Amino acid sequence: MVASYLGGCAIATSYVGLVHPLSAALSVVFGTHHCLANCIAMKAAGEFYPREVDEFLFFCERQAIQIPSGVCAEATDNVLNQLARATLMHDKPLTNKFGPNFRDVLTEDRIKRIFMAM
């Protein structure tokens, strides 16, 4: 429990930006395992991390790792709303990435479009 707590403290105060809040939402709403959820979120974050996503996808291809796609293709409005809420509750990393007015940049509609791209 202490390790989990300290890991959470590290995540909350680090610059994990957008990937962690998106992956946490996938885990909460769909029960997606943390590592896989991070990979799915990273693949969809190219708008915000173009160089990093290209590098990530290069290594996935090199190692023949297939990241699932279409995970939100059939998501209902209710599910997309849950995903958006579960993402936006991560104030600290989103503030680290986008600044204190992150909700002006990362609107619920924009988050839903990101999830639909997953």
Protein backbone atom coordinates (compact mmCIF):
# COMPACT_ATOMS: atom_id res chain seq x y z
CA MET A 1 0.00 0.00 0.00
CA VAL A 2 2.85 2.38 0.75
CA ALA A 3 4.41 1.73 -2.67
CA SER A 4 1.07 2.32 -4.37
CA TYR A 5 0.57 5.53 -2.41
CA LEU A 6 4.06 6.81 -3.25
CA GLY A 7 3.57 5.88 -6.90
CA GLY A 8 0.34 7.89 -6.91
CA CYS A 9 2.12 10.85 -5.33
CA ALA A 10 4.82 10.67 -7.98
CA ILE A 11 2.26 10.59 -10.80
CA ALA A 12 0.23 13.42 -9.29
CA THR A 13 3.21 15.75 -9.09
CA SER A 14 5.00 14.76 -12.29
CA TYR A 15 4.57 15.91 -15.84
CA VAL A 16 2.61 12.92 -17.11
CA GLY A 17 0.38 15.39 -18.92
CA LEU A 18 -2.45 13.96 -20.95
CA VAL A 19 -1.62 10.27 -21.31
CA HIS A 20 -2.19 9.31 -17.68
CA PRO A 21 -5.63 10.96 -17.36
CA LEU A 22 -6.78 9.34 -20.61
CA SER A 23 -5.45 5.93 -19.62
CA ALA A 24 -6.93 6.21 -16.14
CA ALA A 25 -10.33 6.87 -17.71
CA LEU A 26 -9.98 3.75 -19.89
CA SER A 27 -9.14 1.75 -16.78
CA VAL A 28 -12.03 3.14 -14.76
CA VAL A 29 -14.71 2.92 -17.44
CA PHE A 30 -13.65 -0.22 -19.35
CA GLY A 31 -11.42 -1.99 -16.82
CA THR A 32 -8.49 -1.83 -19.24
CA HIS A 33 -5.20 -2.85 -17.64
CA HIS A 34 -2.98 0.11 -16.82
CA CYS A 35 -0.11 -0.70 -19.20
CA LEU A 36 -2.40 -1.38 -22.14
CA ALA A 37 -4.48 1.72 -21.38
CA ASN A 38 -1.31 3.84 -21.42
CA CYS A 39 -0.36 2.42 -24.82
CA ILE A 40 -3.83 3.05 -26.28
CA ALA A 41 -3.84 6.60 -24.89
CA MET A 42 -0.32 7.28 -26.14
CA LYS A 43 -1.24 6.14 -29.64
CA ALA A 44 -4.13 8.65 -29.67
CA ALA A 45 -2.11 11.58 -28.28
CA GLY A 46 -0.25 12.49 -31.46
CA GLU A 47 -1.89 15.92 -31.61
CA PHE A 48 -0.19 16.80 -28.34
CA TYR A 49 2.98 14.68 -28.49
CA PRO A 50 3.78 14.19 -32.21
CA ARG A 51 7.47 13.35 -31.84
CA GLU A 52 6.95 11.09 -28.85
CA VAL A 53 4.06 9.21 -30.45
CA ASP A 54 6.09 8.66 -33.63
CA GLU A 55 8.93 7.26 -31.53
CA PHE A 56 6.54 5.10 -29.50
CA LEU A 57 4.92 3.68 -32.64
CA PHE A 58 8.35 3.06 -34.19
CA PHE A 59 9.35 0.92 -31.23
CA CYS A 60 6.00 -0.88 -31.21
CA GLU A 61 6.46 -1.73 -34.88
CA ARG A 62 10.06 -2.76 -34.34
CA GLN A 63 9.01 -5.17 -31.58
CA ALA A 64 5.87 -6.31 -33.44
CA ILE A 65 3.62 -4.98 -30.69
CA GLN A 66 0.05 -4.37 -31.79
CA ILE A 67 -1.84 -1.69 -29.89
CA PRO A 68 -5.60 -2.23 -30.06
CA SER A 69 -7.66 0.26 -32.01
CA GLY A 70 -11.37 0.88 -32.16
CA VAL A 71 -11.74 0.47 -28.40
CA CYS A 72 -14.27 3.32 -28.22
CA ALA A 73 -15.78 2.89 -31.68
CA GLU A 74 -19.14 1.79 -30.30
CA ALA A 75 -19.13 3.97 -27.19
CA THR A 76 -22.47 5.54 -26.38
CA ASP A 77 -22.85 9.18 -25.40
CA ASN A 78 -23.18 8.03 -21.80
CA VAL A 79 -19.88 6.12 -21.97
CA LEU A 80 -18.12 9.05 -23.67
CA ASN A 81 -19.40 11.35 -20.93
CA GLN A 82 -18.01 8.95 -18.30
CA LEU A 83 -14.65 8.85 -20.08
CA ALA A 84 -14.52 12.66 -20.27
CA ARG A 85 -15.39 13.07 -16.59
CA ALA A 86 -12.87 10.41 -15.57
CA THR A 87 -10.21 12.26 -17.58
CA LEU A 88 -10.98 15.77 -16.34
CA MET A 89 -10.81 14.77 -12.67
CA HIS A 90 -6.99 14.62 -12.97
CA ASP A 91 -6.39 18.33 -12.38
CA LYS A 92 -2.68 18.17 -11.53
CA PRO A 93 -1.31 16.41 -14.62
CA LEU A 94 -3.68 18.31 -16.92
CA THR A 95 -2.58 21.59 -15.35
CA ASN A 96 1.04 20.51 -15.79
CA LYS A 97 0.43 19.92 -19.51
CA PHE A 98 -1.98 22.72 -20.44
CA GLY A 99 -1.79 25.27 -17.62
CA PRO A 100 -4.38 26.30 -15.06
CA ASN A 101 -7.04 26.91 -17.71
CA PHE A 102 -6.74 23.38 -19.09
CA ARG A 103 -10.53 23.05 -19.36
CA ASP A 104 -10.52 25.82 -21.99
CA VAL A 105 -8.05 23.82 -24.09
CA LEU A 106 -9.22 20.33 -23.28
CA THR A 107 -12.99 20.57 -23.55
CA GLU A 108 -15.27 17.59 -23.03
CA ASP A 109 -15.97 17.50 -26.78
CA ARG A 110 -12.26 17.44 -27.57
CA ILE A 111 -11.70 14.62 -25.07
CA LYS A 112 -14.56 12.65 -26.61
CA ARG A 113 -12.99 13.06 -30.08
CA ILE A 114 -9.70 11.74 -28.71
CA PHE A 115 -11.45 8.69 -27.26
CA MET A 116 -13.31 8.08 -30.51
CA ALA A 117 -9.91 8.02 -32.26
CA MET A 118 -8.82 5.21 -29.96
